[in-house]
Amino acid sequence: MTGQKVGTIVTVKFPITVTVLAGITLVVLTAMFHWLSGSAKETLVFFATGVAAVGVVVSAYYTGKTLNAMIGRNAEDAEIARRREEREKFSDLRASQLLAMRYGERWNDPAMFHVRNTLRSVMEFETHSNDELINFVSDASRRTNVIHVVNFLEEISVSIRHGLVDTDLVKAQFCGIVIATWPKLLPWISQTRRVHHDNMMWDDLEKIYNVWKSTPH
């Protein structure tokens, strides 16, 4: 059973479009005009004019529908693009945050113990002589680890410059280290630059130090 009414043999359905309605209206109006005028010639002219008018109206109607559909599609496409952009921004943010946390994990890794310990010994070394500090840092037991420190902090600084890492998150972890380390090692850094004839060595780290020093919080 299909729910069809008893006694109904078949049901025929068809959509009544604007064109059909306009055509029916024109026929009715033409018949009324002929009845009132009684002139076949005038009725024919009326009908021809009406056909042209109906064509304009129907064309305008479907043009409007097409434009509305295009506007709706454009709005839908714009919304899809906006959502895609938001997802990409969220994905980029998550990636930069994960990289910032990864730097923290690497710094605190047990394998970095000797590097951190060397930096601690340099920070605790008290002297008013740049030469004494340079000699202390340049000692074979410390120099390699000190280079690891500045290279690691330079890597973070380069990541910041290229927008690869969440600056606020990485700053929260390394601001104190950078602000304390750079001025302490500056005499040794300056000498190393002179020896290698390269004033751009660890340049990004120097720039981050200057920025973070002025805005530590």
N, C-alpha and C. Protein backbone atom coordinates (compact mmCIF):
# COMPACT_ATOMS: atom_id res chain seq x y z
N MET A 1 0.85 -1.19 0.00
CA MET A 1 0.00 0.00 0.00
C MET A 1 0.88 1.24 0.00
N THR A 2 0.45 2.23 -0.76
CA THR A 2 1.25 3.43 -0.88
C THR A 2 0.59 4.63 -0.25
N GLY A 3 -0.55 4.45 0.41
CA GLY A 3 -1.21 5.59 1.03
C GLY A 3 -2.06 6.37 0.03
N GLN A 4 -2.28 5.83 -1.22
CA GLN A 4 -3.08 6.52 -2.22
C GLN A 4 -4.55 6.44 -1.84
N LYS A 5 -5.29 7.51 -2.08
CA LYS A 5 -6.72 7.54 -1.74
C LYS A 5 -7.48 6.48 -2.51
N VAL A 6 -8.51 5.89 -1.86
CA VAL A 6 -9.35 4.88 -2.49
C VAL A 6 -10.11 5.52 -3.64
N GLY A 7 -10.14 4.85 -4.78
CA GLY A 7 -10.84 5.36 -5.95
C GLY A 7 -9.95 6.17 -6.87
N THR A 8 -8.74 6.46 -6.43
CA THR A 8 -7.81 7.21 -7.27
C THR A 8 -7.00 6.23 -8.11
N ILE A 9 -7.11 6.38 -9.42
CA ILE A 9 -6.40 5.47 -10.31
C ILE A 9 -4.95 5.90 -10.48
N VAL A 10 -4.76 7.18 -10.75
CA VAL A 10 -3.42 7.69 -10.94
C VAL A 10 -3.39 9.16 -10.58
N THR A 11 -2.25 9.61 -10.09
CA THR A 11 -2.08 11.02 -9.74
C THR A 11 -0.98 11.61 -10.60
N VAL A 12 -1.33 12.66 -11.29
CA VAL A 12 -0.36 13.33 -12.15
C VAL A 12 0.01 14.66 -11.51
N LYS A 13 1.33 14.89 -11.28
CA LYS A 13 1.80 16.13 -10.69
C LYS A 13 2.78 16.80 -11.64
N PHE A 14 2.67 18.13 -11.75
CA PHE A 14 3.63 18.86 -12.56
C PHE A 14 3.84 20.22 -11.93
N PRO A 15 5.04 20.76 -12.00
CA PRO A 15 5.33 22.04 -11.39
C PRO A 15 4.75 23.19 -12.22
N ILE A 16 4.13 24.12 -11.53
CA ILE A 16 3.60 25.31 -12.21
C ILE A 16 4.68 26.37 -12.14
N THR A 17 5.35 26.61 -13.24
CA THR A 17 6.47 27.54 -13.26
C THR A 17 5.98 28.95 -13.56
N VAL A 18 6.88 29.87 -13.42
CA VAL A 18 6.55 31.26 -13.73
C VAL A 18 6.15 31.40 -15.20
N THR A 19 6.83 30.65 -16.07
CA THR A 19 6.52 30.73 -17.50
C THR A 19 5.09 30.28 -17.77
N VAL A 20 4.68 29.17 -17.13
CA VAL A 20 3.31 28.67 -17.32
C VAL A 20 2.29 29.67 -16.80
N LEU A 21 2.54 30.20 -15.61
CA LEU A 21 1.61 31.17 -15.04
C LEU A 21 1.51 32.42 -15.91
N ALA A 22 2.64 32.87 -16.41
CA ALA A 22 2.63 34.05 -17.27
C ALA A 22 1.88 33.77 -18.57
N GLY A 23 2.06 32.57 -19.12
CA GLY A 23 1.36 32.20 -20.35
C GLY A 23 -0.14 32.14 -20.15
N ILE A 24 -0.57 31.52 -19.04
CA ILE A 24 -2.01 31.42 -18.75
C ILE A 24 -2.61 32.82 -18.58
N THR A 25 -1.86 33.66 -17.85
CA THR A 25 -2.34 35.02 -17.64
C THR A 25 -2.50 35.76 -18.97
N LEU A 26 -1.53 35.59 -19.86
CA LEU A 26 -1.59 36.25 -21.17
C LEU A 26 -2.78 35.76 -21.97
N VAL A 27 -3.03 34.47 -21.95
CA VAL A 27 -4.16 33.92 -22.70
C VAL A 27 -5.48 34.49 -22.18
N VAL A 28 -5.61 34.53 -20.86
CA VAL A 28 -6.84 35.05 -20.26
C VAL A 28 -7.04 36.52 -20.63
N LEU A 29 -5.97 37.31 -20.51
CA LEU A 29 -6.06 38.73 -20.83
C LEU A 29 -6.36 38.95 -22.32
N THR A 30 -5.75 38.10 -23.16
CA THR A 30 -6.01 38.22 -24.60
C THR A 30 -7.47 37.91 -24.92
N ALA A 31 -8.00 36.90 -24.27
CA ALA A 31 -9.41 36.54 -24.48
C ALA A 31 -10.34 37.67 -24.03
N MET A 32 -10.01 38.26 -22.88
CA MET A 32 -10.82 39.38 -22.40
C MET A 32 -10.72 40.58 -23.34
N PHE A 33 -9.52 40.85 -23.87
CA PHE A 33 -9.34 41.97 -24.80
C PHE A 33 -10.16 41.74 -26.07
N HIS A 34 -10.10 40.50 -26.60
CA HIS A 34 -10.86 40.19 -27.81
C HIS A 34 -12.35 40.34 -27.57
N TRP A 35 -12.79 39.91 -26.40
CA TRP A 35 -14.24 40.02 -26.08
C TRP A 35 -14.66 41.48 -26.01
N LEU A 36 -13.79 42.33 -25.46
CA LEU A 36 -14.13 43.75 -25.32
C LEU A 36 -13.98 44.51 -26.63
N SER A 37 -12.91 44.19 -27.40
CA SER A 37 -12.66 44.96 -28.62
C SER A 37 -13.40 44.42 -29.83
N GLY A 38 -13.57 43.10 -29.88
CA GLY A 38 -14.24 42.47 -31.02
C GLY A 38 -13.41 42.51 -32.29
N SER A 39 -12.15 42.91 -32.21
CA SER A 39 -11.30 43.03 -33.38
C SER A 39 -10.22 41.96 -33.33
N ALA A 40 -10.18 41.13 -34.36
CA ALA A 40 -9.17 40.08 -34.41
C ALA A 40 -7.77 40.66 -34.61
N LYS A 41 -7.70 41.73 -35.45
CA LYS A 41 -6.40 42.33 -35.74
C LYS A 41 -5.80 42.95 -34.48
N GLU A 42 -6.64 43.73 -33.74
CA GLU A 42 -6.16 44.37 -32.53
C GLU A 42 -5.81 43.33 -31.46
N THR A 43 -6.59 42.26 -31.46
CA THR A 43 -6.32 41.18 -30.49
C THR A 43 -4.97 40.54 -30.79
N LEU A 44 -4.68 40.35 -32.10
CA LEU A 44 -3.41 39.75 -32.49
C LEU A 44 -2.23 40.65 -32.07
N VAL A 45 -2.42 41.98 -32.28
CA VAL A 45 -1.38 42.93 -31.86
C VAL A 45 -1.20 42.88 -30.35
N PHE A 46 -2.32 42.84 -29.63
CA PHE A 46 -2.27 42.78 -28.17
C PHE A 46 -1.53 41.52 -27.71
N PHE A 47 -1.85 40.42 -28.37
CA PHE A 47 -1.22 39.14 -27.99
C PHE A 47 0.30 39.18 -28.25
N ALA A 48 0.69 39.72 -29.43
CA ALA A 48 2.12 39.80 -29.76
C ALA A 48 2.86 40.68 -28.76
N THR A 49 2.21 41.81 -28.40
CA THR A 49 2.83 42.69 -27.40
C THR A 49 2.94 41.98 -26.05
N GLY A 50 1.91 41.25 -25.74
CA GLY A 50 1.91 40.52 -24.47
C GLY A 50 2.97 39.45 -24.41
N VAL A 51 3.17 38.76 -25.55
CA VAL A 51 4.22 37.73 -25.60
C VAL A 51 5.59 38.36 -25.33
N ALA A 52 5.83 39.53 -25.96
CA ALA A 52 7.10 40.21 -25.74
C ALA A 52 7.26 40.62 -24.28
N ALA A 53 6.18 41.14 -23.70
CA ALA A 53 6.23 41.56 -22.30
C ALA A 53 6.47 40.37 -21.37
N VAL A 54 5.77 39.26 -21.67
CA VAL A 54 5.96 38.06 -20.85
C VAL A 54 7.40 37.57 -20.94
N GLY A 55 7.97 37.64 -22.15
CA GLY A 55 9.36 37.23 -22.32
C GLY A 55 10.31 38.05 -21.48
N VAL A 56 10.07 39.37 -21.43
CA VAL A 56 10.92 40.25 -20.63
C VAL A 56 10.79 39.92 -19.15
N VAL A 57 9.53 39.75 -18.70
CA VAL A 57 9.27 39.47 -17.28
C VAL A 57 9.90 38.14 -16.86
N VAL A 58 9.67 37.12 -17.69
CA VAL A 58 10.21 35.80 -17.36
C VAL A 58 11.74 35.82 -17.37
N SER A 59 12.31 36.50 -18.37
CA SER A 59 13.77 36.59 -18.44
C SER A 59 14.33 37.29 -17.21
N ALA A 60 13.67 38.39 -16.81
CA ALA A 60 14.12 39.12 -15.63
C ALA A 60 14.01 38.26 -14.38
N TYR A 61 12.94 37.48 -14.29
CA TYR A 61 12.74 36.62 -13.13
C TYR A 61 13.85 35.58 -12.99
N TYR A 62 14.13 34.89 -14.10
CA TYR A 62 15.14 33.84 -14.04
C TYR A 62 16.55 34.42 -13.92
N THR A 63 16.75 35.61 -14.48
CA THR A 63 18.04 36.28 -14.28
C THR A 63 18.25 36.59 -12.80
N GLY A 64 17.17 37.09 -12.17
CA GLY A 64 17.25 37.37 -10.73
C GLY A 64 17.53 36.12 -9.92
N LYS A 65 16.87 35.02 -10.28
CA LYS A 65 17.12 33.77 -9.55
C LYS A 65 18.56 33.30 -9.74
N THR A 66 19.06 33.46 -10.97
CA THR A 66 20.43 33.05 -11.24
C THR A 66 21.41 33.88 -10.42
N LEU A 67 21.16 35.20 -10.39
CA LEU A 67 22.05 36.08 -9.61
C LEU A 67 22.00 35.74 -8.13
N ASN A 68 20.78 35.48 -7.62
CA ASN A 68 20.64 35.10 -6.20
C ASN A 68 21.40 33.81 -5.91
N ALA A 69 21.30 32.87 -6.86
CA ALA A 69 22.01 31.60 -6.67
C ALA A 69 23.52 31.83 -6.67
N MET A 70 23.99 32.71 -7.58
CA MET A 70 25.42 33.01 -7.64
C MET A 70 25.88 33.70 -6.37
N ILE A 71 25.06 34.66 -5.88
CA ILE A 71 25.42 35.35 -4.64
C ILE A 71 25.48 34.38 -3.48
N GLY A 72 24.48 33.49 -3.43
CA GLY A 72 24.47 32.48 -2.37
C GLY A 72 25.68 31.57 -2.45
N ARG A 73 26.06 31.19 -3.69
CA ARG A 73 27.21 30.31 -3.87
C ARG A 73 28.50 31.04 -3.48
N ASN A 74 28.59 32.32 -3.88
CA ASN A 74 29.77 33.10 -3.52
C ASN A 74 29.90 33.24 -2.00
N ALA A 75 28.76 33.47 -1.34
CA ALA A 75 28.78 33.58 0.12
C ALA A 75 29.18 32.26 0.76
N GLU A 76 28.70 31.16 0.18
CA GLU A 76 29.06 29.84 0.69
C GLU A 76 30.54 29.56 0.49
N ASP A 77 31.05 29.92 -0.71
CA ASP A 77 32.48 29.73 -0.99
C ASP A 77 33.33 30.57 -0.04
N ALA A 78 32.86 31.82 0.22
CA ALA A 78 33.61 32.70 1.13
C ALA A 78 33.64 32.12 2.54
N GLU A 79 32.52 31.54 2.97
CA GLU A 79 32.46 30.94 4.30
C GLU A 79 33.38 29.72 4.39
N ILE A 80 33.38 28.92 3.33
CA ILE A 80 34.26 27.75 3.30
C ILE A 80 35.72 28.18 3.36
N ALA A 81 36.06 29.23 2.59
CA ALA A 81 37.44 29.73 2.59
C ALA A 81 37.82 30.29 3.96
N ARG A 82 36.86 30.98 4.62
CA ARG A 82 37.13 31.54 5.95
C ARG A 82 37.40 30.42 6.96
N ARG A 83 36.58 29.37 6.90
CA ARG A 83 36.77 28.26 7.83
C ARG A 83 38.09 27.54 7.57
N ARG A 84 38.44 27.40 6.27
CA ARG A 84 39.71 26.76 5.94
C ARG A 84 40.89 27.58 6.47
N GLU A 85 40.78 28.90 6.32
CA GLU A 85 41.84 29.78 6.81
C GLU A 85 41.98 29.70 8.33
N GLU A 86 40.82 29.62 9.02
CA GLU A 86 40.86 29.49 10.47
C GLU A 86 41.53 28.18 10.89
N ARG A 87 41.21 27.10 10.17
CA ARG A 87 41.83 25.80 10.49
C ARG A 87 43.33 25.85 10.26
N GLU A 88 43.74 26.50 9.16
CA GLU A 88 45.17 26.60 8.86
C GLU A 88 45.89 27.44 9.92
N LYS A 89 45.24 28.54 10.35
CA LYS A 89 45.85 29.38 11.39
C LYS A 89 45.99 28.60 12.69
N PHE A 90 44.93 27.83 13.03
CA PHE A 90 44.98 27.03 14.26
C PHE A 90 46.07 25.98 14.16
N SER A 91 46.19 25.37 12.97
CA SER A 91 47.22 24.35 12.77
C SER A 91 48.61 24.96 12.90
N ASP A 92 48.80 26.16 12.30
CA ASP A 92 50.10 26.82 12.39
C ASP A 92 50.42 27.20 13.84
N LEU A 93 49.39 27.67 14.57
CA LEU A 93 49.59 28.04 15.96
C LEU A 93 49.99 26.83 16.79
N ARG A 94 49.30 25.73 16.59
CA ARG A 94 49.63 24.51 17.33
C ARG A 94 51.05 24.06 17.02
N ALA A 95 51.45 24.14 15.75
CA ALA A 95 52.80 23.72 15.37
C ALA A 95 53.84 24.61 16.04
N SER A 96 53.60 25.92 16.08
CA SER A 96 54.57 26.84 16.69
C SER A 96 54.64 26.64 18.20
N GLN A 97 53.51 26.31 18.81
CA GLN A 97 53.50 26.04 20.25
C GLN A 97 54.24 24.74 20.57
N LEU A 98 54.02 23.73 19.74
CA LEU A 98 54.71 22.46 19.95
C LEU A 98 56.22 22.61 19.78
N LEU A 99 56.63 23.45 18.81
CA LEU A 99 58.06 23.67 18.62
C LEU A 99 58.66 24.38 19.83
N ALA A 100 57.92 25.35 20.39
CA ALA A 100 58.39 26.06 21.58
C ALA A 100 58.57 25.09 22.74
N MET A 101 57.59 24.19 22.92
CA MET A 101 57.70 23.21 23.99
C MET A 101 58.85 22.22 23.73
N ARG A 102 59.07 21.94 22.45
CA ARG A 102 60.16 21.03 22.10
C ARG A 102 61.51 21.64 22.47
N TYR A 103 61.67 22.95 22.30
CA TYR A 103 62.93 23.60 22.72
C TYR A 103 63.12 23.45 24.23
N GLY A 104 62.03 23.59 24.97
CA GLY A 104 62.13 23.41 26.41
C GLY A 104 62.52 21.99 26.79
N GLU A 105 61.95 21.02 26.07
CA GLU A 105 62.29 19.62 26.33
C GLU A 105 63.77 19.35 26.03
N ARG A 106 64.24 19.91 24.93
CA ARG A 106 65.65 19.69 24.55
C ARG A 106 66.60 20.31 25.58
N TRP A 107 66.25 21.50 26.04
CA TRP A 107 67.11 22.17 27.02
C TRP A 107 67.18 21.39 28.33
N ASN A 108 66.08 20.80 28.72
CA ASN A 108 66.02 20.07 30.00
C ASN A 108 66.35 18.59 29.85
N ASP A 109 66.67 18.16 28.66
CA ASP A 109 67.01 16.75 28.43
C ASP A 109 68.27 16.41 29.25
N PRO A 110 68.28 15.22 29.89
CA PRO A 110 69.47 14.81 30.66
C PRO A 110 70.75 14.84 29.83
N ALA A 111 70.63 14.65 28.51
CA ALA A 111 71.81 14.67 27.66
C ALA A 111 72.45 16.05 27.61
N MET A 112 71.67 17.07 27.98
CA MET A 112 72.19 18.45 27.98
C MET A 112 72.77 18.83 29.34
N PHE A 113 72.89 17.88 30.23
CA PHE A 113 73.34 18.19 31.60
C PHE A 113 74.71 18.88 31.59
N HIS A 114 75.67 18.34 30.87
CA HIS A 114 77.02 18.90 30.88
C HIS A 114 77.05 20.31 30.27
N VAL A 115 76.18 20.54 29.27
CA VAL A 115 76.10 21.88 28.67
C VAL A 115 75.55 22.87 29.69
N ARG A 116 74.46 22.48 30.36
CA ARG A 116 73.87 23.37 31.36
C ARG A 116 74.83 23.59 32.53
N ASN A 117 75.53 22.54 32.91
CA ASN A 117 76.46 22.65 34.02
C ASN A 117 77.63 23.58 33.69
N THR A 118 78.10 23.52 32.44
CA THR A 118 79.17 24.42 32.01
C THR A 118 78.69 25.86 32.03
N LEU A 119 77.49 26.09 31.54
CA LEU A 119 76.94 27.45 31.56
C LEU A 119 76.82 27.96 32.99
N ARG A 120 76.40 27.08 33.88
CA ARG A 120 76.27 27.47 35.29
C ARG A 120 77.63 27.89 35.86
N SER A 121 78.67 27.14 35.51
CA SER A 121 80.00 27.47 36.02
C SER A 121 80.49 28.81 35.46
N VAL A 122 80.16 29.10 34.22
CA VAL A 122 80.55 30.38 33.62
C VAL A 122 79.80 31.52 34.30
N MET A 123 78.50 31.32 34.54
CA MET A 123 77.71 32.37 35.17
C MET A 123 78.20 32.65 36.59
N GLU A 124 78.72 31.62 37.26
CA GLU A 124 79.19 31.79 38.64
C GLU A 124 80.64 32.28 38.71
N PHE A 125 81.32 32.30 37.57
CA PHE A 125 82.71 32.75 37.54
C PHE A 125 82.74 34.27 37.72
N GLU A 126 83.38 34.72 38.78
CA GLU A 126 83.42 36.15 39.10
C GLU A 126 84.78 36.74 38.72
N THR A 127 84.73 37.76 37.90
CA THR A 127 85.94 38.46 37.49
C THR A 127 85.55 39.81 36.90
N HIS A 128 86.48 40.75 37.01
CA HIS A 128 86.27 42.05 36.38
C HIS A 128 87.14 42.20 35.14
N SER A 129 87.78 41.12 34.78
CA SER A 129 88.69 41.14 33.64
C SER A 129 88.08 40.35 32.48
N ASN A 130 87.97 41.00 31.34
CA ASN A 130 87.47 40.30 30.15
C ASN A 130 88.42 39.19 29.73
N ASP A 131 89.70 39.45 29.87
CA ASP A 131 90.68 38.43 29.48
C ASP A 131 90.55 37.18 30.34
N GLU A 132 90.33 37.37 31.63
CA GLU A 132 90.17 36.21 32.52
C GLU A 132 88.92 35.42 32.14
N LEU A 133 87.85 36.13 31.82
CA LEU A 133 86.62 35.44 31.41
C LEU A 133 86.84 34.69 30.11
N ILE A 134 87.51 35.33 29.14
CA ILE A 134 87.76 34.68 27.85
C ILE A 134 88.60 33.42 28.04
N ASN A 135 89.62 33.51 28.89
CA ASN A 135 90.46 32.34 29.15
C ASN A 135 89.67 31.23 29.83
N PHE A 136 88.79 31.62 30.74
CA PHE A 136 87.98 30.63 31.46
C PHE A 136 87.06 29.90 30.49
N VAL A 137 86.37 30.67 29.64
CA VAL A 137 85.43 30.06 28.68
C VAL A 137 86.17 29.25 27.64
N SER A 138 87.36 29.72 27.23
CA SER A 138 88.11 29.07 26.15
C SER A 138 88.82 27.79 26.59
N ASP A 139 88.77 27.50 27.87
CA ASP A 139 89.37 26.26 28.35
C ASP A 139 88.75 25.07 27.62
N ALA A 140 89.57 24.09 27.28
CA ALA A 140 89.12 22.94 26.49
C ALA A 140 87.94 22.21 27.13
N SER A 141 87.85 22.25 28.45
CA SER A 141 86.77 21.54 29.15
C SER A 141 85.44 22.30 29.07
N ARG A 142 85.47 23.54 28.61
CA ARG A 142 84.25 24.35 28.61
C ARG A 142 83.87 24.86 27.21
N ARG A 143 84.83 25.13 26.38
CA ARG A 143 84.58 25.85 25.13
C ARG A 143 83.50 25.18 24.28
N THR A 144 83.57 23.88 24.08
CA THR A 144 82.61 23.19 23.23
C THR A 144 81.19 23.31 23.78
N ASN A 145 81.06 23.15 25.09
CA ASN A 145 79.73 23.26 25.70
C ASN A 145 79.18 24.68 25.61
N VAL A 146 80.06 25.67 25.75
CA VAL A 146 79.61 27.06 25.61
C VAL A 146 79.12 27.32 24.19
N ILE A 147 79.83 26.77 23.22
CA ILE A 147 79.39 26.91 21.83
C ILE A 147 78.04 26.26 21.62
N HIS A 148 77.82 25.11 22.25
CA HIS A 148 76.50 24.46 22.18
C HIS A 148 75.41 25.39 22.73
N VAL A 149 75.71 26.05 23.81
CA VAL A 149 74.72 26.96 24.42
C VAL A 149 74.34 28.08 23.46
N VAL A 150 75.33 28.79 22.96
CA VAL A 150 75.02 29.94 22.11
C VAL A 150 74.41 29.50 20.77
N ASN A 151 74.84 28.35 20.28
CA ASN A 151 74.23 27.84 19.04
C ASN A 151 72.76 27.46 19.26
N PHE A 152 72.49 26.86 20.41
CA PHE A 152 71.12 26.48 20.73
C PHE A 152 70.23 27.73 20.85
N LEU A 153 70.70 28.74 21.55
CA LEU A 153 69.93 29.98 21.70
C LEU A 153 69.82 30.73 20.37
N GLU A 154 70.85 30.62 19.53
CA GLU A 154 70.78 31.22 18.19
C GLU A 154 69.71 30.52 17.34
N GLU A 155 69.63 29.21 17.47
CA GLU A 155 68.61 28.45 16.73
C GLU A 155 67.21 28.92 17.12
N ILE A 156 66.99 29.10 18.40
CA ILE A 156 65.69 29.60 18.88
C ILE A 156 65.43 30.99 18.29
N SER A 157 66.44 31.84 18.29
CA SER A 157 66.29 33.22 17.80
C SER A 157 65.97 33.25 16.31
N VAL A 158 66.60 32.37 15.54
CA VAL A 158 66.31 32.29 14.10
C VAL A 158 64.87 31.82 13.88
N SER A 159 64.42 30.86 14.68
CA SER A 159 63.04 30.39 14.58
C SER A 159 62.05 31.51 14.87
N ILE A 160 62.37 32.35 15.83
CA ILE A 160 61.52 33.49 16.15
C ILE A 160 61.47 34.46 14.98
N ARG A 161 62.63 34.75 14.40
CA ARG A 161 62.68 35.70 13.27
C ARG A 161 61.85 35.22 12.10
N HIS A 162 61.82 33.94 11.86
CA HIS A 162 61.07 33.39 10.74
C HIS A 162 59.63 33.04 11.10
N GLY A 163 59.21 33.34 12.31
CA GLY A 163 57.83 33.08 12.71
C GLY A 163 57.48 31.62 12.83
N LEU A 164 58.46 30.79 13.12
CA LEU A 164 58.23 29.35 13.20
C LEU A 164 57.83 28.88 14.59
N VAL A 165 58.04 29.73 15.59
CA VAL A 165 57.83 29.30 16.97
C VAL A 165 56.97 30.33 17.69
N ASP A 166 56.18 29.87 18.65
CA ASP A 166 55.36 30.76 19.46
C ASP A 166 56.28 31.62 20.34
N THR A 167 56.36 32.90 20.01
CA THR A 167 57.32 33.79 20.69
C THR A 167 57.05 33.90 22.18
N ASP A 168 55.78 34.07 22.54
CA ASP A 168 55.45 34.23 23.96
C ASP A 168 55.83 32.99 24.77
N LEU A 169 55.54 31.84 24.20
CA LEU A 169 55.81 30.59 24.92
C LEU A 169 57.31 30.33 25.05
N VAL A 170 58.05 30.58 23.99
CA VAL A 170 59.50 30.34 24.06
C VAL A 170 60.18 31.41 24.92
N LYS A 171 59.62 32.62 24.91
CA LYS A 171 60.17 33.69 25.75
C LYS A 171 59.98 33.36 27.23
N ALA A 172 58.82 32.79 27.56
CA ALA A 172 58.55 32.43 28.95
C ALA A 172 59.56 31.42 29.47
N GLN A 173 60.10 30.59 28.56
CA GLN A 173 61.04 29.55 28.97
C GLN A 173 62.50 30.02 28.95
N PHE A 174 62.84 30.93 28.02
CA PHE A 174 64.26 31.23 27.80
C PHE A 174 64.64 32.69 27.99
N CYS A 175 63.69 33.55 28.33
CA CYS A 175 64.02 34.97 28.48
C CYS A 175 65.11 35.18 29.53
N GLY A 176 64.96 34.56 30.69
CA GLY A 176 65.94 34.73 31.77
C GLY A 176 67.32 34.22 31.37
N ILE A 177 67.35 33.09 30.65
CA ILE A 177 68.63 32.52 30.23
C ILE A 177 69.33 33.44 29.24
N VAL A 178 68.56 33.94 28.27
CA VAL A 178 69.15 34.82 27.24
C VAL A 178 69.67 36.11 27.86
N ILE A 179 68.86 36.73 28.72
CA ILE A 179 69.24 38.02 29.32
C ILE A 179 70.48 37.88 30.21
N ALA A 180 70.61 36.73 30.86
CA ALA A 180 71.77 36.52 31.73
C ALA A 180 73.01 36.08 30.95
N THR A 181 72.78 35.26 29.91
CA THR A 181 73.91 34.64 29.21
C THR A 181 74.63 35.60 28.27
N TRP A 182 73.86 36.37 27.48
CA TRP A 182 74.50 37.20 26.44
C TRP A 182 75.53 38.19 27.01
N PRO A 183 75.17 39.02 28.00
CA PRO A 183 76.18 39.98 28.49
C PRO A 183 77.36 39.29 29.18
N LYS A 184 77.07 38.13 29.80
CA LYS A 184 78.17 37.42 30.47
C LYS A 184 79.18 36.91 29.45
N LEU A 185 78.71 36.39 28.32
CA LEU A 185 79.58 35.81 27.31
C LEU A 185 80.05 36.82 26.26
N LEU A 186 79.57 38.04 26.34
CA LEU A 186 79.86 39.02 25.29
C LEU A 186 81.36 39.22 25.03
N PRO A 187 82.21 39.30 26.05
CA PRO A 187 83.65 39.44 25.75
C PRO A 187 84.19 38.28 24.92
N TRP A 188 83.80 37.06 25.27
CA TRP A 188 84.24 35.89 24.51
C TRP A 188 83.62 35.88 23.12
N ILE A 189 82.34 36.27 23.00
CA ILE A 189 81.66 36.33 21.70
C ILE A 189 82.35 37.35 20.79
N SER A 190 82.68 38.50 21.34
CA SER A 190 83.35 39.55 20.55
C SER A 190 84.70 39.07 20.04
N GLN A 191 85.44 38.38 20.91
CA GLN A 191 86.74 37.87 20.48
C GLN A 191 86.57 36.81 19.39
N THR A 192 85.57 35.94 19.55
CA THR A 192 85.33 34.89 18.55
C THR A 192 84.96 35.50 17.20
N ARG A 193 84.18 36.56 17.23
CA ARG A 193 83.83 37.26 15.98
C ARG A 193 85.07 37.83 15.31
N ARG A 194 85.97 38.39 16.11
CA ARG A 194 87.20 38.96 15.55
C ARG A 194 88.09 37.87 14.95
N VAL A 195 88.20 36.77 15.66
CA VAL A 195 89.05 35.68 15.18
C VAL A 195 88.54 35.14 13.84
N HIS A 196 87.23 35.03 13.72
CA HIS A 196 86.63 34.46 12.50
C HIS A 196 86.26 35.53 11.48
N HIS A 197 86.56 36.79 11.80
CA HIS A 197 86.25 37.91 10.90
C HIS A 197 84.78 37.88 10.47
N ASP A 198 83.92 37.66 11.45
CA ASP A 198 82.48 37.56 11.17
C ASP A 198 81.68 38.23 12.29
N ASN A 199 81.29 39.48 12.05
CA ASN A 199 80.52 40.20 13.06
C ASN A 199 79.05 39.78 13.12
N MET A 200 78.65 38.88 12.20
CA MET A 200 77.26 38.42 12.19
C MET A 200 77.07 37.11 12.95
N MET A 201 78.13 36.59 13.53
CA MET A 201 77.99 35.35 14.31
C MET A 201 77.02 35.59 15.47
N TRP A 202 76.04 34.72 15.60
CA TRP A 202 75.02 34.78 16.66
C TRP A 202 74.29 36.14 16.66
N ASP A 203 74.09 36.67 15.45
CA ASP A 203 73.46 37.98 15.32
C ASP A 203 72.00 37.95 15.75
N ASP A 204 71.29 36.88 15.41
CA ASP A 204 69.88 36.79 15.80
C ASP A 204 69.73 36.71 17.31
N LEU A 205 70.64 36.00 17.96
CA LEU A 205 70.61 35.92 19.42
C LEU A 205 70.81 37.31 20.03
N GLU A 206 71.73 38.08 19.47
CA GLU A 206 71.96 39.43 19.98
C GLU A 206 70.71 40.30 19.84
N LYS A 207 70.02 40.17 18.71
CA LYS A 207 68.81 40.96 18.49
C LYS A 207 67.71 40.56 19.48
N ILE A 208 67.54 39.25 19.69
CA ILE A 208 66.52 38.80 20.65
C ILE A 208 66.86 39.27 22.06
N TYR A 209 68.15 39.24 22.39
CA TYR A 209 68.58 39.74 23.70
C TYR A 209 68.17 41.21 23.88
N ASN A 210 68.43 42.03 22.87
CA ASN A 210 68.09 43.45 22.97
C ASN A 210 66.59 43.67 23.09
N VAL A 211 65.80 42.87 22.38
CA VAL A 211 64.34 42.99 22.47
C VAL A 211 63.83 42.54 23.83
N TRP A 212 64.29 41.38 24.27
CA TRP A 212 63.80 40.83 25.54
C TRP A 212 64.32 41.62 26.74
N LYS A 213 65.49 42.21 26.60
CA LYS A 213 66.03 43.01 27.69
C LYS A 213 65.13 44.23 27.97
N SER A 214 64.60 44.81 26.90
CA SER A 214 63.75 46.00 27.04
C SER A 214 62.32 45.64 27.45
N THR A 215 61.90 44.41 27.17
CA THR A 215 60.55 43.95 27.56
C THR A 215 60.65 42.55 28.15
N PRO A 216 61.18 42.41 29.35
CA PRO A 216 61.40 41.08 29.92
C PRO A 216 60.13 40.35 30.29
N HIS A 217 59.01 41.09 30.44
CA HIS A 217 57.77 40.44 30.87
C HIS A 217 56.69 40.60 29.82
